[in-house]
Amino acid sequence: MSEEKEEASFSILTIYDEPEKRRNVPESPGISSQDEHHAQSQLGEACGPPQQPPGSPRQHDLAYQEMISPQQCAPQALDRSELQAPQLSEAESEEAEPGLSSPPGSEFGQPCPSPRPNEVVVRQMTPRKSWKVGKLRHGKKVYSLAISSSTHHVYTCGHGYIRVWDESALHAWDHAPQAQLNLQDRQNCVLTCKLSPDERSLITGGLSQTLTLWDLAPTPRVRAQLASTGPMCYSLAVSSNAQICLACFKGFVEIWDLQNQILIRKHEVPIYGSRCVDIVGNKFWTGGEDTRLYSWDLRSYQRLQQHDLQHEILSITHDPSEEWLLVGLRMSDIVILHTHRREKFKAVLQKYVYHHNLKFASCGSYFVATLDESIHCLAAPSLQRLFQVEESTDILCCDVSSDNQYLVTGSRNSATVYQLLY
C-alpha cells in the first residue's frame, strides 16, 4: 500500500469547564464551516479561550537528556495542596454533573450499543472530582508506573528497582512497599512499562538491551529476558490480545511475539520519529521529535499515513474501542484522529510543556492528560474538564486503574494516589 501524506489541517476544539459557557468553535485555516459542523456533531461543541503560550521553549533533545539524568530535581516549595490532610479534596470545587453531548455510536470513547425496545440507555459515569488519599515513597524518580485493578497493586519503576505497593499503601502517606524488585544491573533504569490485558504480567524496558517480562502472581518474578538490539527503549505497546508487543527505540521499532518470546521484526522508522508507539488493530503508530505522526501496517510493514502535527509528539494512546487515537504534543495540544476514517481534530491549549502524558479510562467516558505539574480529567467526547489538580513537581507518568477507582501519578521521588469520586 502506498504512503499517504495528510495535510496539517484540523477542526479545532477547545476544552471547556461549564456546559452553559459553551461558545462557537473558531474555524481553523483550511477547514470549512461544514467540516466544523461535522466535527462538533462527532465530538461535541467546545468553548473557552485558549491559554496564552509562556516564554521560549527548551531545546528538543533535553527531553531525552532528562530521562537518563541521575540527578534529582531541585526541591521546590510545596504548594497548598501538598500541605492538606489526606481527606481534603484536590479537585476544583465545581459540582456540575458532566454529560456526554454527542449521540452514541461513532464518537471516540467506549461505543454505546443501540438500545432495544423498552430498554433504558445507561451512560458510563464520569468522575466529578478527585481526592488525594496517599503517597508512595519510591525514593527516586518514577519514570513509569502501572496499576493492577484485580489486586489494586501499583508498580513504580525507575533507576535500579521496581517497587510493588499493595492496596493498604494506596491510602497511606509513609507506607513501606510490599516488595522491591531489584534489576539485574543496578545502573539500569526502567523508562516504560505495560501491563498485559489480563493484568497477570508486566513488561518493562529502558536503559538496558533487554525487555523484561514479569509474572505478577502469586509473587512477582522474571519470566523471560528478551534481548533487544537498542540501548534505550522509550516506549512500549501491547496488543489487545496480548500476542504482540512493540518496543520503540531511536530509529526503529521491535515487534515481538510475546507468547513465543520471539523477535518478529526490527522495523526501521524515521530516526527522530520514534519517541512514542501505540498499536491499534492491524496498525501501529509512531511519533517523536520530527513532529510527524506515522501509521504502519502490521502485516505488510508499509507506511500508511503521515500527519504533520507541527510540534514534537510526547505521547500516543488510543481509546478502549480502538476507534480513536490521542496524541499529546509539546505545545500541550491534544490531537484526536480516527484510526480508519478521515476525521481529525485538535484540542488547543497553547502552553509549552516538558512532559505530556495521556491515559484513557477503561470505561471510555473520560481520559486524563498530565501537563507538567497539572492534571486535567476530560470527558469524552465532549472535552468538558471534569476536574483539574495541581501538583508541586513535574508529573513524569500516570495511570488509571481499569476499575476506574484510582489515578496514580509519578514524579520526582514518589507517586501520588488519587481516588476518583463519581
Foldseek 3Di string as FASTA:
>chain_A
DDEAEDEQAFQAAAFAADPVPFDAGDGTPPADPVLNVVVCQQQNHHDDDFDAADDDDDDACVLVVVQQDQDFDDDDDFDVVVVDDQADFQWDPDDDFDDGDHDFAQHFFDGFDDDDPPDDGDADGDFQGKTFQEWFQQAFFFQEKDAAPVFRWIWTWFQFWIFIAGPVRSRYYDDDTPDIGGDPDNRWGWNEKDAQLNNQWMWTFFQDQWIWIWGPPPHIDTPDTQGHDARTWQEKEADNVRQWIWTFDQQWIWIAGVVVSDTPDTAGDHRQFGNEKYDFDQKIWTGFQQQKIWIAGNVVRDTYYIYRNPFGWAYWDGHLVSQWIWTAGQQRKIKIQGPPDGHIHIHHRRYGASHWEKEAANNGQWIWIFGFQKIFIAGPSNSHTSIMGGGRGGFNYWYAHNVRQWIWTTGGRMIIIMGGHD
